[in-house]
PDB file of N, CA and C in Angstrom:
ATOM      1  N   MET A   1     -16.615  29.656  26.096  1.00  0.00           N
ATOM      2  CA  MET A   1     -15.914  28.240  25.949  1.00  0.00           C
ATOM      3  C   MET A   1     -15.720  27.915  24.508  1.00  0.00           C
ATOM      4  N   SER A   2     -14.591  27.410  24.174  1.00  0.00           N
ATOM      5  CA  SER A   2     -14.268  27.168  22.804  1.00  0.00           C
ATOM      6  C   SER A   2     -13.822  25.749  22.638  1.00  0.00           C
ATOM      7  N   GLN A   3     -13.961  25.210  21.433  1.00  0.00           N
ATOM      8  CA  GLN A   3     -13.464  23.831  21.176  1.00  0.00           C
ATOM      9  C   GLN A   3     -12.600  23.936  19.832  1.00  0.00           C
ATOM     10  N   THR A   4     -11.815  22.914  19.597  1.00  0.00           N
ATOM     11  CA  THR A   4     -11.040  22.750  18.348  1.00  0.00           C
ATOM     12  C   THR A   4     -11.615  21.837  17.527  1.00  0.00           C
ATOM     13  N   VAL A   5     -11.876  22.120  16.251  1.00  0.00           N
ATOM     14  CA  VAL A   5     -12.325  21.277  15.326  1.00  0.00           C
ATOM     15  C   VAL A   5     -11.300  21.041  14.254  1.00  0.00           C
ATOM     16  N   THR A   6     -11.048  19.810  13.936  1.00  0.00           N
ATOM     17  CA  THR A   6     -10.092  19.481  12.844  1.00  0.00           C
ATOM     18  C   THR A   6     -10.794  18.856  11.798  1.00  0.00           C
ATOM     19  N   LEU A   7     -10.607  19.404  10.461  1.00  0.00           N
ATOM     20  CA  LEU A   7     -11.298  18.905   9.332  1.00  0.00           C
ATOM     21  C   LEU A   7     -10.253  18.517   8.213  1.00  0.00           C
ATOM     22  N   GLN A   8     -10.475  17.504   7.494  1.00  0.00           N
ATOM     23  CA  GLN A   8      -9.586  16.992   6.383  1.00  0.00           C
ATOM     24  C   GLN A   8     -10.175  17.696   5.163  1.00  0.00           C
ATOM     25  N   VAL A   9      -9.345  18.640   4.599  1.00  0.00           N
ATOM     26  CA  VAL A   9      -9.820  19.463   3.413  1.00  0.00           C
ATOM     27  C   VAL A   9      -8.990  18.921   2.159  1.00  0.00           C
ATOM     28  N   GLN A  10      -9.817  18.724   1.036  1.00  0.00           N
ATOM     29  CA  GLN A  10      -9.297  18.365  -0.201  1.00  0.00           C
ATOM     30  C   GLN A  10      -9.261  19.579  -1.182  1.00  0.00           C
ATOM     31  N   GLY A  11      -8.129  19.709  -1.867  1.00  0.00           N
ATOM     32  CA  GLY A  11      -8.057  20.769  -2.860  1.00  0.00           C
ATOM     33  C   GLY A  11      -7.161  21.862  -2.622  1.00  0.00           C
ATOM     34  N   MET A  12      -6.542  21.889  -1.322  1.00  0.00           N
ATOM     35  CA  MET A  12      -5.496  22.855  -1.054  1.00  0.00           C
ATOM     36  C   MET A  12      -4.208  22.348  -1.539  1.00  0.00           C
ATOM     37  N   ASP A  13      -3.477  23.280  -2.258  1.00  0.00           N
ATOM     38  CA  ASP A  13      -2.244  22.798  -2.794  1.00  0.00           C
ATOM     39  C   ASP A  13      -1.069  23.848  -2.694  1.00  0.00           C
ATOM     40  N   CYS A  14      -1.343  24.994  -1.922  1.00  0.00           N
ATOM     41  CA  CYS A  14      -0.251  25.912  -1.809  1.00  0.00           C
ATOM     42  C   CYS A  14      -0.479  26.758  -0.608  1.00  0.00           C
ATOM     43  N   ALA A  15       0.441  27.644  -0.238  1.00  0.00           N
ATOM     44  CA  ALA A  15       0.262  28.535   0.937  1.00  0.00           C
ATOM     45  C   ALA A  15      -0.837  29.548   0.650  1.00  0.00           C
ATOM     46  N   GLY A  16      -1.044  29.916  -0.600  1.00  0.00           N
ATOM     47  CA  GLY A  16      -2.171  30.858  -0.850  1.00  0.00           C
ATOM     48  C   GLY A  16      -3.524  30.199  -0.568  1.00  0.00           C
ATOM     49  N   CYS A  17      -3.640  28.832  -0.662  1.00  0.00           N
ATOM     50  CA  CYS A  17      -4.913  28.171  -0.359  1.00  0.00           C
ATOM     51  C   CYS A  17      -5.041  28.296   1.175  1.00  0.00           C
ATOM     52  N   GLU A  18      -3.971  28.018   1.902  1.00  0.00           N
ATOM     53  CA  GLU A  18      -4.039  28.085   3.327  1.00  0.00           C
ATOM     54  C   GLU A  18      -4.578  29.479   3.824  1.00  0.00           C
ATOM     55  N   GLN A  19      -3.969  30.445   3.231  1.00  0.00           N
ATOM     56  CA  GLN A  19      -4.359  31.828   3.627  1.00  0.00           C
ATOM     57  C   GLN A  19      -5.860  32.127   3.316  1.00  0.00           C
ATOM     58  N   ARG A  20      -6.040  31.717   2.075  1.00  0.00           N
ATOM     59  CA  ARG A  20      -7.538  32.056   1.559  1.00  0.00           C
ATOM     60  C   ARG A  20      -8.586  31.373   2.555  1.00  0.00           C
ATOM     61  N   LEU A  21      -8.276  30.124   2.900  1.00  0.00           N
ATOM     62  CA  LEU A  21      -9.290  29.346   3.722  1.00  0.00           C
ATOM     63  C   LEU A  21      -9.211  29.884   5.081  1.00  0.00           C
ATOM     64  N   GLY A  22      -8.081  30.201   5.688  1.00  0.00           N
ATOM     65  CA  GLY A  22      -7.983  30.803   6.985  1.00  0.00           C
ATOM     66  C   GLY A  22      -8.747  32.072   7.157  1.00  0.00           C
ATOM     67  N   VAL A  23      -8.642  32.956   6.159  1.00  0.00           N
ATOM     68  CA  VAL A  23      -9.392  34.193   6.161  1.00  0.00           C
ATOM     69  C   VAL A  23     -10.862  34.009   6.062  1.00  0.00           C
ATOM     70  N   ALA A  24     -11.330  33.025   5.161  1.00  0.00           N
ATOM     71  CA  ALA A  24     -12.738  32.753   5.059  1.00  0.00           C
ATOM     72  C   ALA A  24     -13.286  32.240   6.309  1.00  0.00           C
ATOM     73  N   LEU A  25     -12.642  31.305   7.039  1.00  0.00           N
ATOM     74  CA  LEU A  25     -13.216  30.814   8.162  1.00  0.00           C
ATOM     75  C   LEU A  25     -13.223  31.803   9.370  1.00  0.00           C
ATOM     76  N   ARG A  26     -12.181  32.640   9.546  1.00  0.00           N
ATOM     77  CA  ARG A  26     -12.132  33.527  10.571  1.00  0.00           C
ATOM     78  C   ARG A  26     -13.241  34.704  10.485  1.00  0.00           C
ATOM     79  N   ARG A  27     -13.813  34.756   9.208  1.00  0.00           N
ATOM     80  CA  ARG A  27     -14.905  35.747   9.105  1.00  0.00           C
ATOM     81  C   ARG A  27     -16.209  35.185   9.582  1.00  0.00           C
ATOM     82  N   LEU A  28     -16.283  33.962  10.021  1.00  0.00           N
ATOM     83  CA  LEU A  28     -17.546  33.429  10.688  1.00  0.00           C
ATOM     84  C   LEU A  28     -17.599  33.919  12.097  1.00  0.00           C
ATOM     85  N   GLU A  29     -18.729  34.192  12.565  1.00  0.00           N
ATOM     86  CA  GLU A  29     -18.949  34.628  14.000  1.00  0.00           C
ATOM     87  C   GLU A  29     -18.598  33.418  14.856  1.00  0.00           C
ATOM     88  N   GLY A  30     -17.889  33.679  15.906  1.00  0.00           N
ATOM     89  CA  GLY A  30     -17.476  32.564  16.935  1.00  0.00           C
ATOM     90  C   GLY A  30     -16.300  31.872  16.575  1.00  0.00           C
ATOM     91  N   VAL A  31     -15.592  32.209  15.364  1.00  0.00           N
ATOM     92  CA  VAL A  31     -14.245  31.498  15.042  1.00  0.00           C
ATOM     93  C   VAL A  31     -13.154  32.419  15.540  1.00  0.00           C
ATOM     94  N   TYR A  32     -12.431  31.814  16.509  1.00  0.00           N
ATOM     95  CA  TYR A  32     -11.353  32.603  17.130  1.00  0.00           C
ATOM     96  C   TYR A  32     -10.039  32.476  16.339  1.00  0.00           C
ATOM     97  N   GLU A  33      -9.793  31.326  15.788  1.00  0.00           N
ATOM     98  CA  GLU A  33      -8.613  30.959  15.087  1.00  0.00           C
ATOM     99  C   GLU A  33      -8.808  29.927  14.029  1.00  0.00           C
ATOM    100  N   ALA A  34      -8.264  30.016  12.915  1.00  0.00           N
ATOM    101  CA  ALA A  34      -8.333  29.049  11.877  1.00  0.00           C
ATOM    102  C   ALA A  34      -6.955  28.851  11.206  1.00  0.00           C
ATOM    103  N   THR A  35      -6.430  27.648  11.151  1.00  0.00           N
ATOM    104  CA  THR A  35      -5.143  27.398  10.653  1.00  0.00           C
ATOM    105  C   THR A  35      -5.199  26.231   9.645  1.00  0.00           C
ATOM    106  N   ALA A  36      -4.861  26.400   8.456  1.00  0.00           N
ATOM    107  CA  ALA A  36      -4.856  25.456   7.352  1.00  0.00           C
ATOM    108  C   ALA A  36      -3.429  25.051   7.049  1.00  0.00           C
ATOM    109  N   ASP A  37      -3.265  23.874   6.669  1.00  0.00           N
ATOM    110  CA  ASP A  37      -1.979  23.267   6.258  1.00  0.00           C
ATOM    111  C   ASP A  37      -2.184  22.394   4.938  1.00  0.00           C
ATOM    112  N   HIS A  38      -1.687  22.924   3.745  1.00  0.00           N
ATOM    113  CA  HIS A  38      -1.839  22.202   2.497  1.00  0.00           C
ATOM    114  C   HIS A  38      -1.129  20.939   2.506  1.00  0.00           C
ATOM    115  N   ARG A  39      -0.067  20.833   3.190  1.00  0.00           N
ATOM    116  CA  ARG A  39       0.724  19.577   3.166  1.00  0.00           C
ATOM    117  C   ARG A  39       0.105  18.452   3.824  1.00  0.00           C
ATOM    118  N   THR A  40      -0.662  18.598   4.820  1.00  0.00           N
ATOM    119  CA  THR A  40      -1.385  17.695   5.586  1.00  0.00           C
ATOM    120  C   THR A  40      -2.928  17.579   5.053  1.00  0.00           C
ATOM    121  N   GLY A  41      -3.380  18.687   4.428  1.00  0.00           N
ATOM    122  CA  GLY A  41      -4.695  18.840   4.018  1.00  0.00           C
ATOM    123  C   GLY A  41      -5.747  19.076   5.209  1.00  0.00           C
ATOM    124  N   GLN A  42      -5.042  19.405   6.423  1.00  0.00           N
ATOM    125  CA  GLN A  42      -5.947  19.662   7.647  1.00  0.00           C
ATOM    126  C   GLN A  42      -6.182  21.094   7.888  1.00  0.00           C
ATOM    127  N   VAL A  43      -7.377  21.396   8.426  1.00  0.00           N
ATOM    128  CA  VAL A  43      -7.681  22.694   8.861  1.00  0.00           C
ATOM    129  C   VAL A  43      -8.111  22.594  10.312  1.00  0.00           C
ATOM    130  N   GLN A  44      -7.438  23.363  11.194  1.00  0.00           N
ATOM    131  CA  GLN A  44      -7.902  23.281  12.676  1.00  0.00           C
ATOM    132  C   GLN A  44      -8.527  24.689  12.901  1.00  0.00           C
ATOM    133  N   VAL A  45      -9.729  24.561  13.527  1.00  0.00           N
ATOM    134  CA  VAL A  45     -10.491  25.864  13.787  1.00  0.00           C
ATOM    135  C   VAL A  45     -10.828  25.822  15.318  1.00  0.00           C
ATOM    136  N   ARG A  46     -10.428  26.860  15.952  1.00  0.00           N
ATOM    137  CA  ARG A  46     -10.955  27.034  17.361  1.00  0.00           C
ATOM    138  C   ARG A  46     -12.159  28.027  17.337  1.00  0.00           C
ATOM    139  N   VAL A  47     -13.255  27.313  17.785  1.00  0.00           N
ATOM    140  CA  VAL A  47     -14.523  27.977  17.591  1.00  0.00           C
ATOM    141  C   VAL A  47     -15.402  27.973  18.915  1.00  0.00           C
ATOM    142  N   ASP A  48     -16.232  28.885  19.022  1.00  0.00           N
ATOM    143  CA  ASP A  48     -17.351  28.898  20.130  1.00  0.00           C
ATOM    144  C   ASP A  48     -18.597  28.168  19.488  1.00  0.00           C
ATOM    145  N   PRO A  49     -18.798  26.989  19.987  1.00  0.00           N
ATOM    146  CA  PRO A  49     -19.901  26.245  19.365  1.00  0.00           C
ATOM    147  C   PRO A  49     -21.288  26.910  19.720  1.00  0.00           C
ATOM    148  N   GLU A  50     -21.346  27.962  20.569  1.00  0.00           N
ATOM    149  CA  GLU A  50     -22.535  28.574  20.760  1.00  0.00           C
ATOM    150  C   GLU A  50     -22.902  29.414  19.521  1.00  0.00           C
ATOM    151  N   PHE A  51     -22.012  29.819  18.705  1.00  0.00           N
ATOM    152  CA  PHE A  51     -22.219  30.671  17.469  1.00  0.00           C
ATOM    153  C   PHE A  51     -22.062  29.954  16.161  1.00  0.00           C
ATOM    154  N   THR A  52     -21.090  29.024  16.152  1.00  0.00           N
ATOM    155  CA  THR A  52     -20.819  28.291  14.813  1.00  0.00           C
ATOM    156  C   THR A  52     -20.625  26.904  15.099  1.00  0.00           C
ATOM    157  N   ASP A  53     -21.260  26.129  14.277  1.00  0.00           N
ATOM    158  CA  ASP A  53     -21.188  24.595  14.363  1.00  0.00           C
ATOM    159  C   ASP A  53     -20.376  24.116  13.264  1.00  0.00           C
ATOM    160  N   ARG A  54     -20.187  22.743  13.262  1.00  0.00           N
ATOM    161  CA  ARG A  54     -19.395  22.084  12.263  1.00  0.00           C
ATOM    162  C   ARG A  54     -20.056  22.240  10.863  1.00  0.00           C
ATOM    163  N   ALA A  55     -21.254  22.237  10.762  1.00  0.00           N
ATOM    164  CA  ALA A  55     -21.932  22.326   9.445  1.00  0.00           C
ATOM    165  C   ALA A  55     -21.659  23.693   8.847  1.00  0.00           C
ATOM    166  N   ALA A  56     -21.620  24.672   9.675  1.00  0.00           N
ATOM    167  CA  ALA A  56     -21.282  26.134   9.127  1.00  0.00           C
ATOM    168  C   ALA A  56     -19.854  26.235   8.660  1.00  0.00           C
ATOM    169  N   LEU A  57     -18.946  25.461   9.347  1.00  0.00           N
ATOM    170  CA  LEU A  57     -17.546  25.370   8.933  1.00  0.00           C
ATOM    171  C   LEU A  57     -17.399  24.731   7.620  1.00  0.00           C
ATOM    172  N   VAL A  58     -18.138  23.585   7.572  1.00  0.00           N
ATOM    173  CA  VAL A  58     -18.069  22.808   6.191  1.00  0.00           C
ATOM    174  C   VAL A  58     -18.666  23.614   5.122  1.00  0.00           C
ATOM    175  N   GLU A  59     -19.740  24.345   5.297  1.00  0.00           N
ATOM    176  CA  GLU A  59     -20.264  25.160   4.248  1.00  0.00           C
ATOM    177  C   GLU A  59     -19.339  26.279   3.802  1.00  0.00           C
ATOM    178  N   ARG A  60     -18.708  26.905   4.762  1.00  0.00           N
ATOM    179  CA  ARG A  60     -17.813  28.034   4.409  1.00  0.00           C
ATOM    180  C   ARG A  60     -16.564  27.455   3.671  1.00  0.00           C
ATOM    181  N   ILE A  61     -16.092  26.234   3.917  1.00  0.00           N
ATOM    182  CA  ILE A  61     -14.956  25.708   3.197  1.00  0.00           C
ATOM    183  C   ILE A  61     -15.398  25.272   1.806  1.00  0.00           C
ATOM    184  N   VAL A  62     -16.654  24.739   1.671  1.00  0.00           N
ATOM    185  CA  VAL A  62     -17.038  24.391   0.351  1.00  0.00           C
ATOM    186  C   VAL A  62     -17.312  25.657  -0.566  1.00  0.00           C
ATOM    187  N   THR A  63     -17.917  26.640   0.069  1.00  0.00           N
ATOM    188  CA  THR A  63     -18.057  27.880  -0.571  1.00  0.00           C
ATOM    189  C   THR A  63     -16.803  28.501  -1.031  1.00  0.00           C
ATOM    190  N   ALA A  64     -15.706  28.335  -0.293  1.00  0.00           N
ATOM    191  CA  ALA A  64     -14.294  28.814  -0.680  1.00  0.00           C
ATOM    192  C   ALA A  64     -13.750  28.047  -1.963  1.00  0.00           C
ATOM    193  N   GLY A  65     -14.395  26.822  -2.216  1.00  0.00           N
ATOM    194  CA  GLY A  65     -13.902  26.138  -3.295  1.00  0.00           C
ATOM    195  C   GLY A  65     -13.212  24.858  -3.036  1.00  0.00           C
ATOM    196  N   TYR A  66     -13.331  24.302  -1.799  1.00  0.00           N
ATOM    197  CA  TYR A  66     -12.661  23.095  -1.389  1.00  0.00           C
ATOM    198  C   TYR A  66     -13.674  22.147  -1.014  1.00  0.00           C
ATOM    199  N   GLU A  67     -13.220  20.849  -0.725  1.00  0.00           N
ATOM    200  CA  GLU A  67     -14.209  19.828  -0.263  1.00  0.00           C
ATOM    201  C   GLU A  67     -13.638  19.289   1.029  1.00  0.00           C
ATOM    202  N   VAL A  68     -14.608  18.854   1.877  1.00  0.00           N
ATOM    203  CA  VAL A  68     -14.208  18.388   3.310  1.00  0.00           C
ATOM    204  C   VAL A  68     -14.460  16.741   3.175  1.00  0.00           C
ATOM    205  N   ALA A  69     -13.389  16.032   3.441  1.00  0.00           N
ATOM    206  CA  ALA A  69     -13.389  14.637   3.365  1.00  0.00           C
ATOM    207  C   ALA A  69     -14.486  14.080   4.317  1.00  0.00           C
ATOM    208  N   GLY A  70     -15.246  13.130   3.820  1.00  0.00           N
ATOM    209  CA  GLY A  70     -16.215  12.449   4.718  1.00  0.00           C
ATOM    210  C   GLY A  70     -17.528  13.237   4.803  1.00  0.00           C
ATOM    211  N   GLU A  71     -17.603  14.371   4.106  1.00  0.00           N
ATOM    212  CA  GLU A  71     -18.906  15.185   4.221  1.00  0.00           C
ATOM    213  C   GLU A  71     -19.703  15.047   2.928  1.00  0.00           C
ATOM    214  N   GLY A  72     -19.169  14.316   1.901  1.00  0.00           N
ATOM    215  CA  GLY A  72     -19.970  14.163   0.702  1.00  0.00           C
ATOM    216  C   GLY A  72     -20.016  15.386  -0.190  1.00  0.00           C
ATOM    217  N   PRO A  73     -20.366  15.248  -1.445  1.00  0.00           N
ATOM    218  CA  PRO A  73     -20.439  16.487  -2.263  1.00  0.00           C
ATOM    219  C   PRO A  73     -21.480  17.392  -1.964  1.00  0.00           C
ATOM    220  N   ARG A  74     -21.291  18.613  -2.127  1.00  0.00           N
ATOM    221  CA  ARG A  74     -22.358  19.634  -1.944  1.00  0.00           C
ATOM    222  C   ARG A  74     -22.842  20.187  -3.320  1.00  0.00           C
ATOM    223  N   PRO A  75     -24.072  20.526  -3.296  1.00  0.00           N
ATOM    224  CA  PRO A  75     -24.550  21.051  -4.613  1.00  0.00           C
ATOM    225  C   PRO A  75     -24.070  22.422  -4.987  1.00  0.00           C
TER     226      PRO A  75
END
């Protein structure tokens, strides 16, 4: 069973950012699909919640160099 998670990401400004973030998210276990759009700042991720939760998605996005709106700054 999968669910779609939509996150508002700050810092994406080009198609390269979309690609980089999509690849980084798809490397997580349980992520079936990840699509980023720098124009809207949104990332949609289809994920199996048994393997990957929202916190893991946020952590991966921050590790890739971006911020997730509403999640606060990460150390």
